[in-house]
C-alpha atoms as a PDB file:
ATOM      1  CA  MET A   1       0.005  -0.061  -0.059  1.00  0.00           C
ATOM      2  CA  ASN A   2       1.561   3.163  -1.189  1.00  0.00           C
ATOM      3  CA  LEU A   3       0.872   6.071   1.151  1.00  0.00           C
ATOM      4  CA  LYS A   4       3.656   8.459   0.094  1.00  0.00           C
ATOM      5  CA  PHE A   5       3.119  12.078   0.189  1.00  0.00           C
ATOM      6  CA  CYS A   6      -0.380  11.656   1.945  1.00  0.00           C
ATOM      7  CA  TYR A   7       0.578  13.867   5.093  1.00  0.00           C
ATOM      8  CA  LEU A   8      -2.072  11.954   6.953  1.00  0.00           C
ATOM      9  CA  SER A   9      -3.396  13.028  10.364  1.00  0.00           C
ATOM     10  CA  PHE A  10      -2.806  12.140  13.605  1.00  0.00           C
ATOM     11  CA  GLU A  11      -6.365  10.159  13.668  1.00  0.00           C
ATOM     12  CA  GLN A  12      -5.483   8.938  10.076  1.00  0.00           C
ATOM     13  CA  VAL A  13      -2.456   7.083  11.230  1.00  0.00           C
ATOM     14  CA  GLN A  14      -4.420   5.714  14.784  1.00  0.00           C
ATOM     15  CA  GLN A  15      -7.119   4.463  12.036  1.00  0.00           C
ATOM     16  CA  LEU A  16      -4.016   2.687   9.908  1.00  0.00           C
ATOM     17  CA  SER A  17      -2.723   1.348  13.176  1.00  0.00           C
ATOM     18  CA  ASN A  18      -5.774  -0.479  14.007  1.00  0.00           C
ATOM     19  CA  ALA A  19      -6.094  -1.772  10.754  1.00  0.00           C
ATOM     20  CA  VAL A  20      -2.490  -3.098  10.379  1.00  0.00           C
ATOM     21  CA  ARG A  21      -2.790  -4.509  14.097  1.00  0.00           C
ATOM     22  CA  PHE A  22      -5.228  -7.344  12.341  1.00  0.00           C
ATOM     23  CA  ASN A  23      -4.043  -7.094   8.981  1.00  0.00           C
ATOM     24  CA  LYS A  24      -3.360 -10.505   7.605  1.00  0.00           C
ATOM     25  CA  THR A  25      -2.728  -9.909   3.915  1.00  0.00           C
ATOM     26  CA  LEU A  26      -0.587  -6.401   3.392  1.00  0.00           C
ATOM     27  CA  VAL A  27       2.920  -7.073   3.182  1.00  0.00           C
ATOM     28  CA  LYS A  28       3.924  -3.867   2.185  1.00  0.00           C
ATOM     29  CA  LEU A  29       3.711  -0.184   3.423  1.00  0.00           C
ATOM     30  CA  ASP A  30       4.921   3.151   2.198  1.00  0.00           C
ATOM     31  CA  LEU A  31       4.558   6.081   4.791  1.00  0.00           C
ATOM     32  CA  SER A  32       7.772   7.851   3.493  1.00  0.00           C
ATOM     33  CA  SER A  33       7.514  11.656   2.759  1.00  0.00           C
ATOM     34  CA  ASN A  34       4.236  12.468   5.298  1.00  0.00           C
ATOM     35  CA  ALA A  35       5.763  14.384   8.010  1.00  0.00           C
ATOM     36  CA  LEU A  36       5.497  11.957  10.462  1.00  0.00           C
ATOM     37  CA  LYS A  37       6.712  12.512  14.232  1.00  0.00           C
ATOM     38  CA  PRO A  38       7.575   9.560  16.874  1.00  0.00           C
ATOM     39  CA  ILE A  39       4.516  10.446  18.290  1.00  0.00           C
ATOM     40  CA  VAL A  40       2.685   9.531  15.438  1.00  0.00           C
ATOM     41  CA  THR A  41       4.150   6.574  14.473  1.00  0.00           C
ATOM     42  CA  CYS A  42       4.308   4.950  18.053  1.00  0.00           C
ATOM     43  CA  TYR A  43       0.925   3.683  17.442  1.00  0.00           C
ATOM     44  CA  LEU A  44       2.109   2.339  14.370  1.00  0.00           C
ATOM     45  CA  LEU A  45       5.311   0.603  15.609  1.00  0.00           C
ATOM     46  CA  ASP A  46       2.682  -1.021  18.488  1.00  0.00           C
ATOM     47  CA  ALA A  47       0.407  -2.526  15.980  1.00  0.00           C
ATOM     48  CA  LEU A  48       3.334  -3.954  14.225  1.00  0.00           C
ATOM     49  CA  MET A  49       4.336  -6.091  17.499  1.00  0.00           C
ATOM     50  CA  ASP A  50       1.101  -8.023  16.654  1.00  0.00           C
ATOM     51  CA  ASN A  51       1.266  -8.013  12.785  1.00  0.00           C
ATOM     52  CA  MET A  52       3.136 -10.686  11.239  1.00  0.00           C
ATOM     53  CA  CYS A  53       2.323 -10.198   7.945  1.00  0.00           C
ATOM     54  CA  LEU A  54       4.277  -7.027   7.183  1.00  0.00           C
ATOM     55  CA  ALA A  55       7.714  -7.450   5.289  1.00  0.00           C
ATOM     56  CA  GLU A  56       8.672  -4.156   4.425  1.00  0.00           C
ATOM     57  CA  LEU A  57       7.810  -0.819   5.558  1.00  0.00           C
ATOM     58  CA  ASN A  58       8.964   2.468   4.498  1.00  0.00           C
ATOM     59  CA  LEU A  59       9.356   5.913   6.608  1.00  0.00           C
ATOM     60  CA  ALA A  60      12.010   7.287   5.025  1.00  0.00           C
ATOM     61  CA  ASN A  61      11.876  11.644   4.958  1.00  0.00           C
ATOM     62  CA  ASN A  62       9.899  12.261   7.846  1.00  0.00           C
ATOM     63  CA  PHE A  63      10.597  13.641  10.917  1.00  0.00           C
ATOM     64  CA  LEU A  64      11.496  10.703  13.112  1.00  0.00           C
ATOM     65  CA  ASP A  65      14.244  11.090  15.778  1.00  0.00           C
ATOM     66  CA  ASP A  66      16.257   8.988  18.274  1.00  0.00           C
ATOM     67  CA  GLU A  67      12.737   8.258  20.506  1.00  0.00           C
ATOM     68  CA  PHE A  68      11.313   7.030  17.052  1.00  0.00           C
ATOM     69  CA  ALA A  69      14.832   5.010  16.825  1.00  0.00           C
ATOM     70  CA  VAL A  70      14.626   3.119  20.374  1.00  0.00           C
ATOM     71  CA  ASP A  71      10.978   2.523  19.773  1.00  0.00           C
ATOM     72  CA  LEU A  72      11.783   0.925  16.451  1.00  0.00           C
ATOM     73  CA  SER A  73      14.879  -1.155  18.119  1.00  0.00           C
ATOM     74  CA  MET A  74      12.371  -2.390  20.493  1.00  0.00           C
ATOM     75  CA  LEU A  75       9.665  -4.002  17.374  1.00  0.00           C
ATOM     76  CA  LEU A  76      12.904  -5.469  15.718  1.00  0.00           C
ATOM     77  CA  GLU A  77      13.426  -7.724  18.853  1.00  0.00           C
ATOM     78  CA  GLU A  78       9.935  -9.078  18.998  1.00  0.00           C
ATOM     79  CA  ASN A  79       8.860  -9.066  15.033  1.00  0.00           C
ATOM     80  CA  PRO A  80      10.456 -11.639  13.005  1.00  0.00           C
ATOM     81  CA  ILE A  81       8.928 -10.903   9.911  1.00  0.00           C
ATOM     82  CA  LEU A  82      10.075  -7.231   8.850  1.00  0.00           C
ATOM     83  CA  TYR A  83      12.443  -7.502   6.411  1.00  0.00           C
ATOM     84  CA  LYS A  84      12.845  -3.731   5.356  1.00  0.00           C
ATOM     85  CA  VAL A  85      12.381  -0.777   7.009  1.00  0.00           C
ATOM     86  CA  ASP A  86      13.703   2.136   5.233  1.00  0.00           C
ATOM     87  CA  ILE A  87      14.313   5.277   7.707  1.00  0.00           C
ATOM     88  CA  ALA A  88      16.444   7.076   5.262  1.00  0.00           C
ATOM     89  CA  ARG A  89      16.592  10.756   5.712  1.00  0.00           C
ATOM     90  CA  ASN A  90      15.285  11.415   9.149  1.00  0.00           C
ATOM     91  CA  PRO A  91      16.993  12.919  11.628  1.00  0.00           C
ATOM     92  CA  ILE A  92      18.106   9.563  13.861  1.00  0.00           C
ATOM     93  CA  GLY A  93      21.065  10.741  15.563  1.00  0.00           C
ATOM     94  CA  PRO A  94      24.116   8.534  17.448  1.00  0.00           C
ATOM     95  CA  GLN A  95      21.811   7.162  20.403  1.00  0.00           C
ATOM     96  CA  GLY A  96      19.233   6.126  17.816  1.00  0.00           C
ATOM     97  CA  GLY A  97      21.857   5.029  15.775  1.00  0.00           C
ATOM     98  CA  GLN A  98      22.874   2.871  18.872  1.00  0.00           C
ATOM     99  CA  ALA A  99      19.950   1.497  19.881  1.00  0.00           C
ATOM    100  CA  LEU A 100      19.259  -0.021  16.559  1.00  0.00           C
ATOM    101  CA  LEU A 101      22.685  -1.131  16.250  1.00  0.00           C
ATOM    102  CA  ASN A 102      22.661  -3.296  19.335  1.00  0.00           C
ATOM    103  CA  VAL A 103      19.419  -4.998  18.684  1.00  0.00           C
ATOM    104  CA  LEU A 104      20.521  -5.669  15.213  1.00  0.00           C
ATOM    105  CA  LEU A 105      23.760  -7.238  15.883  1.00  0.00           C
ATOM    106  CA  MET A 106      22.234  -9.162  19.234  1.00  0.00           C
ATOM    107  CA  LYS A 107      18.703  -9.951  18.910  1.00  0.00           C
ATOM    108  CA  ASN A 108      17.493  -9.572  15.199  1.00  0.00           C
ATOM    109  CA  GLU A 109      18.623 -12.272  12.502  1.00  0.00           C
ATOM    110  CA  THR A 110      15.926 -11.414   9.669  1.00  0.00           C
ATOM    111  CA  LEU A 111      16.210  -7.816   9.015  1.00  0.00           C
ATOM    112  CA  GLY A 112      18.063  -7.041   5.532  1.00  0.00           C
ATOM    113  CA  SER A 113      17.837  -3.670   5.008  1.00  0.00           C
ATOM    114  CA  LEU A 114      16.940   0.070   7.384  1.00  0.00           C
ATOM    115  CA  GLY A 115      17.296   1.832   3.521  1.00  0.00           C
ATOM    116  CA  ASN A 116      19.967   3.793   2.503  1.00  0.00           C
ATOM    117  CA  ILE A 117      20.918   5.525   5.493  1.00  0.00           C
ATOM    118  CA  GLU A 118      24.256   7.762   5.544  1.00  0.00           C
END
């Protein structure tokens, strides 16, 4: 599902998160370039704790920071299905990068890509 450049509202992301939680068929979701902030994406990441179908998630080019990266690292510890999560062009700093690196080195064997991160 491609929702790139849709500039989803808080309520729309909540509704999408509720749908993703119980969805059994969606394997790709593109939410890139939506000006998403960590407080909004926490609902989506929480829903992905229950979703065992989504394999690719694109969150590139948003406003996701260290807080988001720490939350994503917790998801990656528990979700063995996600294969690609694109977080390129987000203001993730050293703290968030370290959290992601730790989980990828120690607890996640399935993630193949975090996108074209610098």
